[in-house]
Amino acid sequence: MKGINYLTDDQGNKTVLLIDLKSHDKKLNELLEDIEDIMQAEAVKDEPTVTFEKAISNLYAKGKVSKKVYEKVTARNV
């Protein structure tokens, strides 16, 4: 296929896929972005998480979120 190339190892196994993005439409670019998102999510899946409310509280404490937003978020949990 035009714009698609493979690199192989010494045994002839395909190891790298090269795609000429200029030769392919927007849908392929969107698919590749989705794959990248999945790979990034997979890379951090075992990292500790915090709740949305805790994240807002942390951002508020650092002055990154307004009091109005902080109060709106924390009021949901009352």
C-alpha atoms as a PDB file:
ATOM      1  CA  MET A   1       0.000   0.000   0.000  1.00  0.00           C
ATOM      2  CA  LYS A   2       1.343   3.424  -0.889  1.00  0.00           C
ATOM      3  CA  GLY A   3       2.662   5.334   2.104  1.00  0.00           C
ATOM      4  CA  ILE A   4       2.888   2.204   4.291  1.00  0.00           C
ATOM      5  CA  ASN A   5       6.249   0.578   4.984  1.00  0.00           C
ATOM      6  CA  TYR A   6       7.507  -2.011   7.435  1.00  0.00           C
ATOM      7  CA  LEU A   7      10.904  -2.493   9.006  1.00  0.00           C
ATOM      8  CA  THR A   8      11.854  -6.061   9.754  1.00  0.00           C
ATOM      9  CA  ASP A   9      14.306  -7.739  12.067  1.00  0.00           C
ATOM     10  CA  ASP A  10      16.995 -10.211  10.950  1.00  0.00           C
ATOM     11  CA  GLN A  11      14.431 -13.027  10.863  1.00  0.00           C
ATOM     12  CA  GLY A  12      12.074 -11.059   8.600  1.00  0.00           C
ATOM     13  CA  ASN A  13       9.525 -10.319  11.343  1.00  0.00           C
ATOM     14  CA  LYS A  14       7.802  -6.962  10.965  1.00  0.00           C
ATOM     15  CA  THR A  15       8.891  -4.824  13.903  1.00  0.00           C
ATOM     16  CA  VAL A  16       8.085  -1.248  12.869  1.00  0.00           C
ATOM     17  CA  LEU A  17       5.231   0.241  10.879  1.00  0.00           C
ATOM     18  CA  LEU A  18       5.942   3.487   9.029  1.00  0.00           C
ATOM     19  CA  ILE A  19       2.949   5.485   7.792  1.00  0.00           C
ATOM     20  CA  ASP A  20       3.222   8.591   5.636  1.00  0.00           C
ATOM     21  CA  LEU A  21       0.564  10.708   7.338  1.00  0.00           C
ATOM     22  CA  LYS A  22       0.409  13.115   4.398  1.00  0.00           C
ATOM     23  CA  SER A  23      -0.758  10.252   2.194  1.00  0.00           C
ATOM     24  CA  HIS A  24      -3.674   9.283   4.412  1.00  0.00           C
ATOM     25  CA  ASP A  25      -6.832  11.027   5.464  1.00  0.00           C
ATOM     26  CA  LYS A  26      -7.921  12.630   8.692  1.00  0.00           C
ATOM     27  CA  LYS A  27      -9.540   9.404   9.925  1.00  0.00           C
ATOM     28  CA  LEU A  28      -6.178   7.668  10.104  1.00  0.00           C
ATOM     29  CA  ASN A  29      -4.701  10.561  12.043  1.00  0.00           C
ATOM     30  CA  GLU A  30      -7.626  10.403  14.481  1.00  0.00           C
ATOM     31  CA  LEU A  31      -7.151   6.652  14.880  1.00  0.00           C
ATOM     32  CA  LEU A  32      -3.458   7.110  15.601  1.00  0.00           C
ATOM     33  CA  GLU A  33      -4.252   9.784  18.191  1.00  0.00           C
ATOM     34  CA  ASP A  34      -6.699   7.372  19.845  1.00  0.00           C
ATOM     35  CA  ILE A  35      -4.041   4.658  19.937  1.00  0.00           C
ATOM     36  CA  GLU A  36      -1.587   7.096  21.508  1.00  0.00           C
ATOM     37  CA  ASP A  37      -4.191   8.041  24.147  1.00  0.00           C
ATOM     38  CA  ILE A  38      -4.723   4.360  24.958  1.00  0.00           C
ATOM     39  CA  MET A  39      -0.988   3.787  25.265  1.00  0.00           C
ATOM     40  CA  GLN A  40      -0.619   6.789  27.591  1.00  0.00           C
ATOM     41  CA  ALA A  41      -3.504   5.572  29.759  1.00  0.00           C
ATOM     42  CA  GLU A  42      -1.985   2.107  29.909  1.00  0.00           C
ATOM     43  CA  ALA A  43       1.362   3.568  30.992  1.00  0.00           C
ATOM     44  CA  VAL A  44      -0.167   5.226  34.084  1.00  0.00           C
ATOM     45  CA  LYS A  45      -2.868   2.712  34.985  1.00  0.00           C
ATOM     46  CA  ASP A  46      -1.090   1.569  38.152  1.00  0.00           C
ATOM     47  CA  GLU A  47      -0.305   5.055  39.426  1.00  0.00           C
ATOM     48  CA  PRO A  48      -2.193   6.260  42.500  1.00  0.00           C
ATOM     49  CA  THR A  49      -5.393   8.177  41.877  1.00  0.00           C
ATOM     50  CA  VAL A  50      -7.306  10.899  43.708  1.00  0.00           C
ATOM     51  CA  THR A  51     -10.956  11.803  43.622  1.00  0.00           C
ATOM     52  CA  PHE A  52     -12.131  14.787  41.613  1.00  0.00           C
ATOM     53  CA  GLU A  53     -13.000  16.570  44.848  1.00  0.00           C
ATOM     54  CA  LYS A  54      -9.501  15.957  46.273  1.00  0.00           C
ATOM     55  CA  ALA A  55      -7.920  17.230  43.062  1.00  0.00           C
ATOM     56  CA  ILE A  56     -10.016  20.424  43.236  1.00  0.00           C
ATOM     57  CA  SER A  57      -9.086  20.850  46.904  1.00  0.00           C
ATOM     58  CA  ASN A  58      -5.396  20.488  46.058  1.00  0.00           C
ATOM     59  CA  LEU A  59      -5.695  22.993  43.212  1.00  0.00           C
ATOM     60  CA  TYR A  60      -7.608  25.426  45.448  1.00  0.00           C
ATOM     61  CA  ALA A  61      -4.903  25.168  48.121  1.00  0.00           C
ATOM     62  CA  LYS A  62      -2.334  26.103  45.457  1.00  0.00           C
ATOM     63  CA  GLY A  63      -4.425  29.032  44.237  1.00  0.00           C
ATOM     64  CA  LYS A  64      -5.142  27.393  40.870  1.00  0.00           C
ATOM     65  CA  VAL A  65      -8.928  27.146  41.312  1.00  0.00           C
ATOM     66  CA  SER A  66     -11.293  29.891  42.380  1.00  0.00           C
ATOM     67  CA  LYS A  67     -13.171  29.806  45.673  1.00  0.00           C
ATOM     68  CA  LYS A  68     -16.435  29.691  43.714  1.00  0.00           C
ATOM     69  CA  VAL A  69     -15.397  26.488  41.918  1.00  0.00           C
ATOM     70  CA  TYR A  70     -14.017  24.972  45.110  1.00  0.00           C
ATOM     71  CA  GLU A  71     -17.237  25.676  47.031  1.00  0.00           C
ATOM     72  CA  LYS A  72     -19.421  24.373  44.202  1.00  0.00           C
ATOM     73  CA  VAL A  73     -17.493  21.092  44.064  1.00  0.00           C
ATOM     74  CA  THR A  74     -17.274  20.584  47.812  1.00  0.00           C
ATOM     75  CA  ALA A  75     -20.951  21.488  48.295  1.00  0.00           C
ATOM     76  CA  ARG A  76     -21.938  18.469  46.184  1.00  0.00           C
ATOM     77  CA  ASN A  77     -20.619  16.167  48.890  1.00  0.00           C
ATOM     78  CA  VAL A  78     -22.605  17.585  51.781  1.00  0.00           C
END
